[in-house]
Protein backbone atom coordinates (compact mmCIF):
# COMPACT_ATOMS: atom_id res chain seq x y z
CA MET A 1 0.00 0.00 0.00
CA LEU A 2 2.80 2.40 0.86
CA LYS A 3 4.49 1.49 -2.42
CA LYS A 4 1.31 2.35 -4.34
CA LEU A 5 1.00 5.68 -2.55
CA LEU A 6 4.63 6.51 -3.23
CA LEU A 7 4.25 5.47 -6.85
CA PHE A 8 1.14 7.65 -7.30
CA GLY A 9 2.90 10.57 -5.63
CA LEU A 10 6.00 10.27 -7.81
CA LEU A 11 3.91 9.77 -10.94
CA GLY A 12 1.79 12.81 -10.10
CA ALA A 13 4.87 14.94 -9.44
CA GLY A 14 6.39 13.80 -12.73
CA VAL A 15 3.26 14.59 -14.72
CA PHE A 16 2.98 17.98 -13.02
CA THR A 17 6.62 18.79 -13.80
CA VAL A 18 6.29 17.77 -17.46
CA GLY A 19 3.12 19.85 -17.76
CA MET A 20 4.77 22.90 -16.24
CA LEU A 21 7.78 22.58 -18.55
CA LEU A 22 5.58 22.14 -21.62
CA GLY A 23 3.43 25.09 -20.62
CA HIS A 24 6.46 27.29 -20.06
CA PHE A 25 8.41 26.48 -23.19
CA ALA A 26 5.66 25.54 -25.68
CA ILE A 27 3.56 28.69 -25.40
CA GLN A 28 4.93 31.61 -27.38
CA LYS A 29 5.29 34.83 -25.48
CA ALA A 30 3.27 37.74 -26.83
CA GLU A 31 4.55 41.29 -26.99
CA SER A 32 1.68 42.48 -24.83
CA SER A 33 0.75 40.60 -21.69
CA ILE A 34 -2.95 41.23 -22.39
CA PRO A 35 -4.48 39.44 -25.41
CA LYS A 36 -6.23 41.56 -28.01
CA TRP A 37 -9.62 39.96 -27.40
CA VAL A 38 -9.49 40.99 -23.74
CA ASN A 39 -9.01 44.61 -24.72
CA ASP A 40 -11.87 44.38 -27.24
CA VAL A 41 -14.25 42.85 -24.69
CA SER A 42 -13.29 45.28 -21.95
CA ARG A 43 -14.26 48.25 -24.10
CA ASP A 44 -17.75 46.86 -24.62
CA VAL A 45 -18.71 46.19 -20.98
CA ASP A 46 -22.19 46.72 -19.61
CA ARG A 47 -21.55 47.73 -15.99
CA ALA A 48 -25.18 47.15 -14.95
CA LEU A 49 -25.03 43.57 -16.22
CA ILE A 50 -21.85 42.89 -14.26
CA GLU A 51 -23.36 44.36 -11.08
CA ARG A 52 -26.48 42.20 -11.48
CA PHE A 53 -24.35 39.10 -12.01
CA ILE A 54 -22.19 39.80 -8.94
CA ALA A 55 -25.30 40.46 -6.86
CA ALA A 56 -26.75 37.11 -7.97
CA VAL A 57 -23.69 35.11 -6.90
CA ASP A 58 -24.28 33.31 -3.61
CA ASN A 59 -20.94 32.95 -1.82
CA ALA A 60 -22.35 30.54 0.77
CA GLN A 61 -23.59 28.19 -1.96
CA ILE A 62 -20.19 28.28 -3.68
CA GLY A 63 -18.47 27.36 -0.41
CA GLU A 64 -20.96 24.56 0.23
CA ASN A 65 -20.49 23.13 -3.27
CA LEU A 66 -16.71 23.36 -2.97
CA SER A 67 -16.78 21.49 0.33
CA LEU A 68 -19.12 18.80 -1.03
CA TYR A 69 -17.25 18.16 -4.27
CA SER A 70 -13.81 18.21 -2.69
CA SER A 71 -14.93 15.66 -0.06
CA ILE A 72 -16.31 13.44 -2.84
CA LEU A 73 -13.03 13.75 -4.75
CA ILE A 74 -10.98 12.90 -1.67
CA TYR A 75 -13.24 9.92 -0.93
CA PHE A 76 -12.80 8.48 -4.43
CA CYS A 77 -9.04 9.10 -4.41
CA LEU A 78 -8.64 7.31 -1.10
CA TYR A 79 -11.05 4.55 -2.14
CA SER A 80 -9.07 3.87 -5.33
CA ILE A 81 -5.84 3.43 -3.35
CA TYR A 82 -7.30 0.70 -1.15
């Protein structure tokens, strides 16, 4: 069991490292740090729509969902090890 856990940990660290290296070196750097489409969208913003959206967001529900789904994920990860 300890060998499996160590193997999963090393494999996960290896995959993470390869992903970080690919992301760093494979993506071309732009001259501007902000993409053009972000500038285009930010000029055409309806402030009232954004305020209504932010007012409709329920922080308590987000926290509850995060807690629920993370506990489910942890359960299945631990269940798959045993």
